[in-house]
Amino acid sequence: MNGTPLDVFIAGDDEAARKQVADLVTSGGLNPVDVGALRHARQLEGFQLLHMALQIREAGHGWASSIKIVAP
């Protein structure tokens, strides 16, 4: 997206595994966002369901949109 790496949200109970996934994501030119424990996966699923609902609505952005966390 215009030179800005896309975010990849990572949840899991094993910190070392999350780090490995984050390293893989980074090596692919993407931005890992570690959300912590696996219990957050439910929120990530809801987040993505909302995103998909916005993509398919009549005035939506279609499948060309993505989610990006903007923070200082």
N, C-alpha and C. Protein backbone atom coordinates (compact mmCIF):
# COMPACT_ATOMS: atom_id res chain seq x y z
N MET A 1 0.84 -1.18 0.00
CA MET A 1 0.00 0.00 0.00
C MET A 1 0.88 1.24 0.00
N ASN A 2 1.19 1.72 -1.14
CA ASN A 2 1.98 2.95 -1.28
C ASN A 2 3.29 2.90 -0.50
N GLY A 3 3.94 1.75 -0.47
CA GLY A 3 5.22 1.62 0.23
C GLY A 3 5.11 1.36 1.72
N THR A 4 3.90 1.34 2.25
CA THR A 4 3.70 1.06 3.67
C THR A 4 3.45 -0.43 3.84
N PRO A 5 4.25 -1.12 4.65
CA PRO A 5 4.04 -2.56 4.81
C PRO A 5 2.69 -2.85 5.47
N LEU A 6 2.02 -3.87 4.97
CA LEU A 6 0.75 -4.28 5.55
C LEU A 6 0.96 -4.93 6.90
N ASP A 7 -0.03 -4.82 7.77
CA ASP A 7 0.03 -5.42 9.10
C ASP A 7 -0.41 -6.88 9.06
N VAL A 8 0.25 -7.70 9.86
CA VAL A 8 -0.14 -9.10 10.07
C VAL A 8 -0.30 -9.26 11.57
N PHE A 9 -1.51 -9.60 12.00
CA PHE A 9 -1.82 -9.71 13.42
C PHE A 9 -1.49 -11.13 13.89
N ILE A 10 -0.78 -11.21 15.02
CA ILE A 10 -0.29 -12.49 15.53
C ILE A 10 -0.79 -12.69 16.96
N ALA A 11 -1.42 -13.83 17.21
CA ALA A 11 -1.88 -14.19 18.56
C ALA A 11 -1.43 -15.62 18.85
N GLY A 12 -1.01 -15.86 20.08
CA GLY A 12 -0.61 -17.21 20.47
C GLY A 12 -0.14 -17.22 21.91
N ASP A 13 -0.21 -18.38 22.51
CA ASP A 13 0.19 -18.51 23.92
C ASP A 13 1.68 -18.76 24.10
N ASP A 14 2.38 -19.07 23.03
CA ASP A 14 3.80 -19.35 23.10
C ASP A 14 4.57 -18.14 22.58
N GLU A 15 5.21 -17.42 23.48
CA GLU A 15 5.92 -16.19 23.11
C GLU A 15 7.01 -16.44 22.08
N ALA A 16 7.73 -17.54 22.22
CA ALA A 16 8.80 -17.86 21.27
C ALA A 16 8.22 -18.12 19.88
N ALA A 17 7.09 -18.79 19.82
CA ALA A 17 6.44 -19.07 18.53
C ALA A 17 5.96 -17.77 17.89
N ARG A 18 5.39 -16.86 18.71
CA ARG A 18 4.95 -15.57 18.17
C ARG A 18 6.15 -14.80 17.59
N LYS A 19 7.29 -14.89 18.27
CA LYS A 19 8.50 -14.22 17.78
C LYS A 19 8.95 -14.83 16.46
N GLN A 20 8.89 -16.14 16.33
CA GLN A 20 9.27 -16.79 15.07
C GLN A 20 8.36 -16.35 13.94
N VAL A 21 7.07 -16.31 14.21
CA VAL A 21 6.12 -15.86 13.19
C VAL A 21 6.38 -14.40 12.83
N ALA A 22 6.64 -13.58 13.84
CA ALA A 22 6.92 -12.16 13.59
C ALA A 22 8.17 -12.01 12.71
N ASP A 23 9.19 -12.81 12.97
CA ASP A 23 10.41 -12.77 12.15
C ASP A 23 10.10 -13.16 10.70
N LEU A 24 9.27 -14.18 10.52
CA LEU A 24 8.88 -14.62 9.19
C LEU A 24 8.10 -13.51 8.47
N VAL A 25 7.17 -12.89 9.17
CA VAL A 25 6.37 -11.80 8.61
C VAL A 25 7.28 -10.65 8.18
N THR A 26 8.21 -10.29 9.04
CA THR A 26 9.15 -9.20 8.74
C THR A 26 9.99 -9.53 7.52
N SER A 27 10.44 -10.79 7.44
CA SER A 27 11.28 -11.19 6.30
C SER A 27 10.51 -11.13 4.98
N GLY A 28 9.19 -11.17 5.06
CA GLY A 28 8.36 -11.05 3.87
C GLY A 28 7.98 -9.61 3.55
N GLY A 29 8.55 -8.66 4.28
CA GLY A 29 8.29 -7.26 4.01
C GLY A 29 7.01 -6.73 4.61
N LEU A 30 6.44 -7.47 5.55
CA LEU A 30 5.20 -7.07 6.20
C LEU A 30 5.49 -6.63 7.64
N ASN A 31 4.50 -6.06 8.30
CA ASN A 31 4.66 -5.55 9.65
C ASN A 31 3.93 -6.44 10.66
N PRO A 32 4.65 -7.16 11.53
CA PRO A 32 3.98 -7.99 12.53
C PRO A 32 3.38 -7.13 13.65
N VAL A 33 2.16 -7.44 14.03
CA VAL A 33 1.51 -6.80 15.17
C VAL A 33 1.17 -7.91 16.16
N ASP A 34 1.97 -8.04 17.19
CA ASP A 34 1.79 -9.09 18.20
C ASP A 34 0.70 -8.63 19.17
N VAL A 35 -0.45 -9.31 19.13
CA VAL A 35 -1.57 -8.92 20.01
C VAL A 35 -1.58 -9.71 21.31
N GLY A 36 -0.63 -10.63 21.47
CA GLY A 36 -0.52 -11.35 22.73
C GLY A 36 -1.16 -12.73 22.69
N ALA A 37 -1.76 -13.09 23.80
CA ALA A 37 -2.27 -14.45 24.02
C ALA A 37 -3.32 -14.87 23.00
N LEU A 38 -3.45 -16.18 22.84
CA LEU A 38 -4.40 -16.76 21.90
C LEU A 38 -5.83 -16.33 22.18
N ARG A 39 -6.13 -15.98 23.42
CA ARG A 39 -7.50 -15.55 23.74
C ARG A 39 -7.92 -14.33 22.93
N HIS A 40 -6.95 -13.59 22.37
CA HIS A 40 -7.26 -12.41 21.55
C HIS A 40 -7.65 -12.79 20.12
N ALA A 41 -7.51 -14.06 19.77
CA ALA A 41 -7.88 -14.49 18.42
C ALA A 41 -9.35 -14.22 18.14
N ARG A 42 -10.20 -14.34 19.14
CA ARG A 42 -11.64 -14.07 18.94
C ARG A 42 -11.85 -12.62 18.50
N GLN A 43 -11.13 -11.68 19.13
CA GLN A 43 -11.26 -10.28 18.73
C GLN A 43 -10.72 -10.06 17.32
N LEU A 44 -9.62 -10.73 16.99
CA LEU A 44 -9.08 -10.60 15.64
C LEU A 44 -10.07 -11.13 14.60
N GLU A 45 -10.75 -12.23 14.90
CA GLU A 45 -11.74 -12.77 13.99
C GLU A 45 -12.88 -11.78 13.79
N GLY A 46 -13.35 -11.19 14.89
CA GLY A 46 -14.42 -10.19 14.79
C GLY A 46 -13.98 -8.97 13.99
N PHE A 47 -12.75 -8.54 14.22
CA PHE A 47 -12.17 -7.42 13.52
C PHE A 47 -12.18 -7.68 12.01
N GLN A 48 -11.76 -8.87 11.62
CA GLN A 48 -11.71 -9.21 10.20
C GLN A 48 -13.11 -9.38 9.62
N LEU A 49 -14.05 -9.93 10.38
CA LEU A 49 -15.42 -10.04 9.89
C LEU A 49 -16.00 -8.66 9.59
N LEU A 50 -15.73 -7.69 10.47
CA LEU A 50 -16.17 -6.32 10.24
C LEU A 50 -15.52 -5.77 8.98
N HIS A 51 -14.23 -6.00 8.82
CA HIS A 51 -13.52 -5.52 7.64
C HIS A 51 -14.14 -6.10 6.37
N MET A 52 -14.41 -7.39 6.36
CA MET A 52 -15.01 -8.03 5.18
C MET A 52 -16.40 -7.47 4.91
N ALA A 53 -17.17 -7.21 5.95
CA ALA A 53 -18.51 -6.62 5.76
C ALA A 53 -18.40 -5.24 5.12
N LEU A 54 -17.39 -4.47 5.51
CA LEU A 54 -17.20 -3.16 4.91
C LEU A 54 -16.73 -3.27 3.45
N GLN A 55 -15.97 -4.31 3.16
CA GLN A 55 -15.47 -4.50 1.79
C GLN A 55 -16.60 -4.81 0.82
N ILE A 56 -17.58 -5.58 1.24
CA ILE A 56 -18.60 -6.04 0.29
C ILE A 56 -19.83 -5.14 0.21
N ARG A 57 -19.92 -4.14 1.08
CA ARG A 57 -21.10 -3.27 0.99
C ARG A 57 -21.02 -2.44 -0.28
N GLU A 58 -22.17 -1.92 -0.69
CA GLU A 58 -22.28 -1.23 -1.97
C GLU A 58 -21.28 -0.08 -2.12
N ALA A 59 -21.08 0.71 -1.09
CA ALA A 59 -20.14 1.84 -1.16
C ALA A 59 -18.78 1.47 -0.58
N GLY A 60 -18.51 0.18 -0.43
CA GLY A 60 -17.27 -0.27 0.19
C GLY A 60 -16.08 -0.16 -0.75
N HIS A 61 -14.92 -0.58 -0.25
CA HIS A 61 -13.68 -0.48 -1.00
C HIS A 61 -13.36 -1.76 -1.77
N GLY A 62 -14.24 -2.72 -1.71
CA GLY A 62 -13.96 -3.98 -2.38
C GLY A 62 -12.85 -4.73 -1.68
N TRP A 63 -12.32 -5.72 -2.37
CA TRP A 63 -11.31 -6.58 -1.77
C TRP A 63 -9.92 -5.96 -1.82
N ALA A 64 -9.80 -4.73 -2.34
CA ALA A 64 -8.50 -4.07 -2.43
C ALA A 64 -8.12 -3.33 -1.15
N SER A 65 -8.95 -3.38 -0.13
CA SER A 65 -8.66 -2.66 1.12
C SER A 65 -7.90 -3.56 2.10
N SER A 66 -7.28 -2.93 3.07
CA SER A 66 -6.58 -3.65 4.12
C SER A 66 -6.72 -2.88 5.42
N ILE A 67 -6.30 -3.52 6.52
CA ILE A 67 -6.34 -2.89 7.84
C ILE A 67 -4.93 -2.49 8.21
N LYS A 68 -4.76 -1.26 8.67
CA LYS A 68 -3.44 -0.77 9.07
C LYS A 68 -3.59 -0.04 10.40
N ILE A 69 -2.79 -0.41 11.38
CA ILE A 69 -2.76 0.28 12.66
C ILE A 69 -1.77 1.44 12.52
N VAL A 70 -2.24 2.64 12.80
CA VAL A 70 -1.39 3.82 12.72
C VAL A 70 -1.18 4.33 14.14
N ALA A 71 0.06 4.31 14.56
CA ALA A 71 0.38 4.74 15.93
C ALA A 71 1.75 5.42 15.91
N PRO A 72 1.99 6.27 16.88
CA PRO A 72 3.30 6.93 16.91
C PRO A 72 4.43 5.95 17.18
